[in-house]
N, C-alpha and C. Protein backbone atom coordinates (compact mmCIF):
# COMPACT_ATOMS: atom_id res chain seq x y z
N MET A 1 -8.17 -1.41 -9.64
CA MET A 1 -6.91 -2.07 -9.25
C MET A 1 -7.12 -2.34 -7.61
N ASP A 2 -6.94 -3.42 -7.08
CA ASP A 2 -6.98 -3.71 -5.60
C ASP A 2 -5.74 -3.39 -5.03
N ILE A 3 -5.68 -3.15 -3.73
CA ILE A 3 -4.52 -2.97 -2.98
C ILE A 3 -3.25 -3.77 -3.30
N LYS A 4 -3.50 -5.14 -3.46
CA LYS A 4 -2.42 -5.84 -3.70
C LYS A 4 -1.74 -5.59 -5.04
N GLU A 5 -2.57 -5.37 -6.00
CA GLU A 5 -2.17 -5.00 -7.41
C GLU A 5 -1.58 -3.66 -7.31
N PHE A 6 -2.06 -2.72 -6.65
CA PHE A 6 -1.38 -1.43 -6.32
C PHE A 6 -0.05 -1.49 -5.92
N LYS A 7 0.19 -2.31 -4.81
CA LYS A 7 1.46 -2.42 -4.21
C LYS A 7 2.53 -3.10 -5.10
N GLU A 8 2.10 -4.15 -5.84
CA GLU A 8 2.83 -4.89 -6.90
C GLU A 8 3.47 -4.13 -8.01
N PHE A 9 2.32 -3.33 -8.56
CA PHE A 9 2.57 -2.38 -9.66
C PHE A 9 3.74 -1.29 -9.07
N ARG A 10 3.33 -0.73 -8.02
CA ARG A 10 4.25 0.43 -7.49
C ARG A 10 5.70 -0.11 -7.30
N GLN A 11 5.79 -1.24 -6.63
CA GLN A 11 7.09 -1.89 -6.38
C GLN A 11 7.76 -2.23 -7.83
N LYS A 12 7.19 -2.78 -8.76
CA LYS A 12 7.79 -3.20 -10.02
C LYS A 12 8.19 -1.87 -10.69
N MET A 13 7.32 -0.85 -10.78
CA MET A 13 7.72 0.47 -11.60
C MET A 13 8.83 1.08 -10.85
N ASN A 14 8.80 1.18 -9.56
CA ASN A 14 9.88 1.85 -8.79
C ASN A 14 11.29 1.23 -9.09
N GLU A 15 11.10 -0.19 -9.00
CA GLU A 15 12.34 -0.95 -9.52
C GLU A 15 12.88 -0.39 -10.87
N ILE A 16 12.17 -0.35 -11.67
CA ILE A 16 12.49 -0.16 -13.18
C ILE A 16 13.00 1.28 -13.18
N ILE A 17 12.23 2.44 -12.70
CA ILE A 17 12.59 3.67 -12.58
C ILE A 17 14.07 3.90 -11.96
N LEU A 18 14.27 3.12 -10.78
CA LEU A 18 15.40 3.43 -10.06
C LEU A 18 16.55 2.72 -10.67
N LYS A 19 16.31 1.67 -11.60
CA LYS A 19 17.38 1.01 -12.29
C LYS A 19 17.80 1.92 -13.60
N GLU A 20 16.66 2.33 -14.25
CA GLU A 20 17.03 3.16 -15.62
C GLU A 20 16.97 4.71 -15.33
N GLY A 21 16.65 5.13 -14.35
CA GLY A 21 16.50 6.61 -14.22
C GLY A 21 17.87 7.27 -14.01
N THR A 22 17.75 8.56 -14.14
CA THR A 22 19.04 9.42 -14.00
C THR A 22 19.27 9.50 -12.49
N LEU A 23 20.52 10.20 -12.15
CA LEU A 23 20.93 10.38 -10.87
C LEU A 23 19.84 11.25 -10.09
N TYR A 24 19.35 12.23 -10.87
CA TYR A 24 18.52 13.17 -10.20
C TYR A 24 17.18 12.44 -9.84
N THR A 25 16.70 11.49 -10.60
CA THR A 25 15.46 10.80 -10.31
C THR A 25 15.75 9.97 -8.91
N LYS A 26 17.05 9.31 -8.88
CA LYS A 26 17.28 8.56 -7.71
C LYS A 26 17.54 9.32 -6.56
N ARG A 27 18.00 10.47 -6.72
CA ARG A 27 18.09 11.42 -5.63
C ARG A 27 16.76 12.03 -4.96
N PHE A 28 15.82 12.26 -6.01
CA PHE A 28 14.47 12.50 -5.63
C PHE A 28 13.80 11.57 -4.84
N PHE A 29 13.75 10.28 -5.43
CA PHE A 29 13.42 9.07 -4.64
C PHE A 29 13.96 8.93 -3.24
N ALA A 30 15.30 9.21 -3.11
CA ALA A 30 15.77 9.05 -1.90
C ALA A 30 15.39 10.12 -0.80
N LEU A 31 15.31 11.37 -1.44
CA LEU A 31 14.78 12.45 -0.62
C LEU A 31 13.44 12.19 -0.24
N ASP A 32 12.70 11.64 -1.05
CA ASP A 32 11.06 11.39 -0.68
C ASP A 32 11.00 10.43 0.34
N ASN A 33 11.93 9.43 0.35
CA ASN A 33 11.94 8.42 1.36
C ASN A 33 12.49 9.06 2.62
N ASP A 34 13.45 9.71 2.72
CA ASP A 34 13.98 10.26 3.84
C ASP A 34 13.20 11.29 4.66
N VAL A 35 12.49 12.07 3.80
CA VAL A 35 11.66 13.07 4.51
C VAL A 35 10.61 12.40 5.45
N TYR A 36 10.13 11.38 5.12
CA TYR A 36 9.07 10.76 5.88
C TYR A 36 9.45 9.96 7.19
N LYS A 37 10.88 9.75 7.34
CA LYS A 37 11.24 9.12 8.49
C LYS A 37 11.04 9.84 9.68
N ASP A 38 10.87 9.22 10.81
CA ASP A 38 10.90 9.84 12.19
C ASP A 38 11.90 10.76 12.40
N GLY A 39 11.40 12.03 12.83
CA GLY A 39 12.47 13.16 13.24
C GLY A 39 11.68 13.79 14.38
N LYS A 40 11.72 15.18 14.40
CA LYS A 40 11.13 15.92 15.38
C LYS A 40 9.65 15.56 15.34
N ILE A 41 9.12 15.45 13.96
CA ILE A 41 7.73 15.05 13.83
C ILE A 41 7.83 13.50 13.46
N PRO A 42 6.88 12.74 14.22
CA PRO A 42 6.95 11.30 13.92
C PRO A 42 6.51 10.97 12.68
N LYS A 43 6.98 9.88 12.04
CA LYS A 43 6.65 9.36 10.82
C LYS A 43 5.02 9.33 10.51
N LYS A 44 4.30 8.82 11.62
CA LYS A 44 2.83 8.74 11.48
C LYS A 44 2.26 10.08 11.06
N TYR A 45 2.79 11.19 11.62
CA TYR A 45 2.15 12.52 11.47
C TYR A 45 2.57 13.20 10.03
N LYS A 46 3.74 12.72 9.67
CA LYS A 46 4.41 13.14 8.34
C LYS A 46 3.63 12.34 7.23
N GLU A 47 3.22 11.18 7.44
CA GLU A 47 2.25 10.39 6.53
C GLU A 47 1.04 10.94 6.28
N MET A 48 0.49 11.45 7.55
CA MET A 48 -0.93 12.12 7.65
C MET A 48 -1.02 13.37 6.93
N MET A 49 0.29 14.19 6.97
CA MET A 49 0.36 15.42 6.31
C MET A 49 0.39 15.11 4.67
N GLY A 50 1.20 14.14 4.27
CA GLY A 50 1.30 13.59 2.94
C GLY A 50 -0.08 13.13 2.31
N LEU A 51 -0.96 12.52 3.27
CA LEU A 51 -2.21 12.11 2.85
C LEU A 51 -3.13 13.52 2.56
N VAL A 52 -3.08 14.39 3.58
CA VAL A 52 -3.81 15.62 3.32
C VAL A 52 -3.35 16.31 1.94
N ALA A 53 -2.20 16.44 1.91
CA ALA A 53 -1.50 17.15 0.53
C ALA A 53 -1.98 16.30 -0.63
N SER A 54 -2.02 14.99 -0.66
CA SER A 54 -2.46 14.19 -1.77
C SER A 54 -3.74 14.24 -2.09
N ILE A 55 -4.70 14.48 -1.10
CA ILE A 55 -6.04 14.71 -1.29
C ILE A 55 -6.29 16.04 -1.91
N VAL A 56 -5.78 17.01 -1.29
CA VAL A 56 -5.83 18.32 -2.03
C VAL A 56 -5.24 18.34 -3.46
N LEU A 57 -4.23 17.72 -3.69
CA LEU A 57 -3.64 17.70 -5.10
C LEU A 57 -4.40 16.75 -5.88
N ARG A 58 -5.21 15.88 -5.35
CA ARG A 58 -6.11 14.94 -6.14
C ARG A 58 -5.47 13.91 -6.76
N CYS A 59 -4.33 13.21 -6.11
CA CYS A 59 -3.70 12.25 -6.65
C CYS A 59 -4.07 10.93 -6.08
N ASP A 60 -4.90 10.18 -6.78
CA ASP A 60 -5.39 8.93 -6.16
C ASP A 60 -4.34 7.96 -5.78
N ASP A 61 -3.21 7.78 -6.63
CA ASP A 61 -2.02 6.82 -6.24
C ASP A 61 -1.46 7.26 -4.97
N CYS A 62 -1.19 8.53 -4.71
CA CYS A 62 -0.57 9.18 -3.70
C CYS A 62 -1.48 8.91 -2.51
N ILE A 63 -2.82 9.18 -2.57
CA ILE A 63 -3.73 9.01 -1.52
C ILE A 63 -3.75 7.49 -1.15
N THR A 64 -3.70 6.61 -1.99
CA THR A 64 -3.69 5.15 -1.59
C THR A 64 -2.33 4.82 -0.90
N TYR A 65 -1.21 5.24 -1.45
CA TYR A 65 0.07 4.99 -0.71
C TYR A 65 0.10 5.59 0.72
N HIS A 66 -0.38 6.66 0.80
CA HIS A 66 -0.24 7.39 2.31
C HIS A 66 -1.26 6.88 3.11
N ILE A 67 -2.40 6.41 2.65
CA ILE A 67 -3.31 5.53 3.58
C ILE A 67 -2.72 4.36 4.17
N ILE A 68 -2.07 3.55 3.23
CA ILE A 68 -1.22 2.39 3.68
C ILE A 68 -0.27 2.78 4.57
N GLN A 69 0.58 3.89 4.38
CA GLN A 69 1.50 4.22 5.30
C GLN A 69 0.89 4.75 6.67
N CYS A 70 -0.23 5.36 6.52
CA CYS A 70 -0.77 5.90 7.84
C CYS A 70 -1.30 4.81 8.74
N ILE A 71 -1.91 3.79 8.08
CA ILE A 71 -2.28 2.64 8.80
C ILE A 71 -1.26 1.86 9.39
N GLU A 72 -0.37 1.65 8.64
CA GLU A 72 0.98 0.85 9.21
C GLU A 72 1.66 1.73 10.25
N ASN A 73 1.43 2.95 10.39
CA ASN A 73 2.08 3.76 11.45
C ASN A 73 1.24 4.28 12.41
N GLY A 74 -0.06 3.49 12.58
CA GLY A 74 -0.75 3.55 13.66
C GLY A 74 -1.87 4.62 13.62
N MET A 75 -2.29 5.16 12.54
CA MET A 75 -3.38 6.18 12.48
C MET A 75 -4.65 5.51 12.80
N THR A 76 -5.39 6.23 13.71
CA THR A 76 -6.74 5.75 14.08
C THR A 76 -7.86 6.18 13.12
N LYS A 77 -8.85 5.47 13.27
CA LYS A 77 -10.00 5.94 12.42
C LYS A 77 -10.51 7.28 12.58
N GLU A 78 -10.44 7.66 13.83
CA GLU A 78 -10.88 9.02 14.25
C GLU A 78 -9.82 10.17 13.64
N GLU A 79 -8.54 9.71 13.73
CA GLU A 79 -7.67 10.60 13.05
C GLU A 79 -7.89 10.64 11.62
N PHE A 80 -8.09 9.55 10.90
CA PHE A 80 -8.37 9.59 9.55
C PHE A 80 -9.54 10.58 9.20
N PHE A 81 -10.49 10.40 9.85
CA PHE A 81 -11.76 11.17 9.50
C PHE A 81 -11.60 12.70 9.77
N GLU A 82 -10.74 12.95 10.86
CA GLU A 82 -10.38 14.32 11.06
C GLU A 82 -9.62 14.95 10.14
N LEU A 83 -8.60 14.16 9.73
CA LEU A 83 -7.79 14.73 8.50
C LEU A 83 -8.51 14.89 7.27
N LEU A 84 -9.49 14.09 6.99
CA LEU A 84 -10.38 14.38 5.81
C LEU A 84 -10.98 15.76 5.98
N ASP A 85 -11.28 16.22 7.15
CA ASP A 85 -11.81 17.59 7.26
C ASP A 85 -10.86 18.62 6.85
N VAL A 86 -9.56 18.47 7.23
CA VAL A 86 -8.57 19.31 7.12
C VAL A 86 -8.40 19.42 5.50
N ALA A 87 -8.33 18.28 4.88
CA ALA A 87 -8.23 18.21 3.32
C ALA A 87 -9.52 18.97 2.65
N LEU A 88 -10.57 18.71 3.25
CA LEU A 88 -11.69 19.34 2.53
C LEU A 88 -11.70 20.92 2.68
N ILE A 89 -11.32 21.27 3.95
CA ILE A 89 -11.31 22.79 4.15
C ILE A 89 -10.27 23.46 3.24
N ILE A 90 -9.10 22.77 3.10
CA ILE A 90 -8.06 23.27 2.11
C ILE A 90 -8.44 23.24 0.81
N GLY A 91 -8.82 22.05 0.36
CA GLY A 91 -8.96 21.66 -0.95
C GLY A 91 -10.42 21.99 -1.54
N GLY A 92 -11.44 22.16 -0.88
CA GLY A 92 -12.69 22.67 -1.28
C GLY A 92 -13.41 21.42 -1.66
N SER A 93 -14.73 21.54 -2.39
CA SER A 93 -15.54 20.56 -2.72
C SER A 93 -14.95 19.76 -3.92
N ILE A 94 -13.92 20.18 -4.59
CA ILE A 94 -13.46 19.41 -5.81
C ILE A 94 -12.72 18.13 -5.09
N THR A 95 -12.38 18.16 -3.92
CA THR A 95 -11.67 16.97 -3.37
C THR A 95 -12.72 15.85 -2.87
N ILE A 96 -14.00 16.27 -2.82
CA ILE A 96 -14.93 15.19 -2.31
C ILE A 96 -14.82 13.83 -3.09
N PRO A 97 -14.70 13.80 -4.37
CA PRO A 97 -14.55 12.48 -5.14
C PRO A 97 -13.35 11.79 -4.49
N HIS A 98 -12.41 12.32 -4.27
CA HIS A 98 -11.06 11.77 -3.79
C HIS A 98 -11.22 11.42 -2.30
N ILE A 99 -12.07 12.10 -1.71
CA ILE A 99 -12.25 11.64 -0.22
C ILE A 99 -13.16 10.45 -0.28
N ARG A 100 -14.01 10.32 -1.20
CA ARG A 100 -14.94 9.00 -1.25
C ARG A 100 -14.01 8.06 -1.42
N ARG A 101 -13.03 7.98 -2.40
CA ARG A 101 -12.07 6.82 -2.76
C ARG A 101 -11.28 6.79 -1.59
N ALA A 102 -10.85 7.69 -0.86
CA ALA A 102 -9.99 7.53 0.26
C ALA A 102 -10.72 6.68 1.31
N VAL A 103 -11.87 6.97 1.61
CA VAL A 103 -12.74 6.25 2.51
C VAL A 103 -12.81 4.92 2.01
N LYS A 104 -13.04 4.70 0.90
CA LYS A 104 -13.22 3.25 0.35
C LYS A 104 -11.95 2.51 0.54
N THR A 105 -10.87 3.11 0.24
CA THR A 105 -9.63 2.46 0.42
C THR A 105 -9.30 2.17 1.98
N TYR A 106 -9.56 3.11 2.78
CA TYR A 106 -9.33 2.98 4.19
C TYR A 106 -10.09 1.70 4.67
N PHE A 107 -11.29 1.64 4.29
CA PHE A 107 -12.10 0.54 4.80
C PHE A 107 -11.66 -0.79 4.25
N GLU A 108 -11.15 -0.79 3.04
CA GLU A 108 -10.75 -2.02 2.45
C GLU A 108 -9.48 -2.49 3.12
N LEU A 109 -8.66 -1.63 3.67
CA LEU A 109 -7.49 -1.91 4.39
C LEU A 109 -7.76 -2.36 5.89
N CYS A 110 -8.84 -1.89 6.33
CA CYS A 110 -9.06 -2.07 7.64
C CYS A 110 -9.90 -3.13 8.04
N SER A 111 -10.57 -3.81 6.96
CA SER A 111 -11.67 -4.71 7.26
C SER A 111 -10.94 -6.07 7.21
């Protein structure tokens, strides 16, 4: 799935989930959205933390989403590769396949 398809699928499914889902689901989605807003920690860094966590948890959809958000919030290439080091140290070698896909996604978005 390319980035455009990913964004369209995510948007469509989120609309259905928020329309059909329970109050708890809607609250969780709202909380997820609110947590990443600028606060004492800028949104850019929160998204970078989300990206590290997503790599460690090995969630490719989350990795793609957070890469998009990180780039939109001004993450540099140098910051991206440094945060990969943090993810690798925390998650270990099992994260390497996800790091490879993250690098592929990053370069697809930045080219």
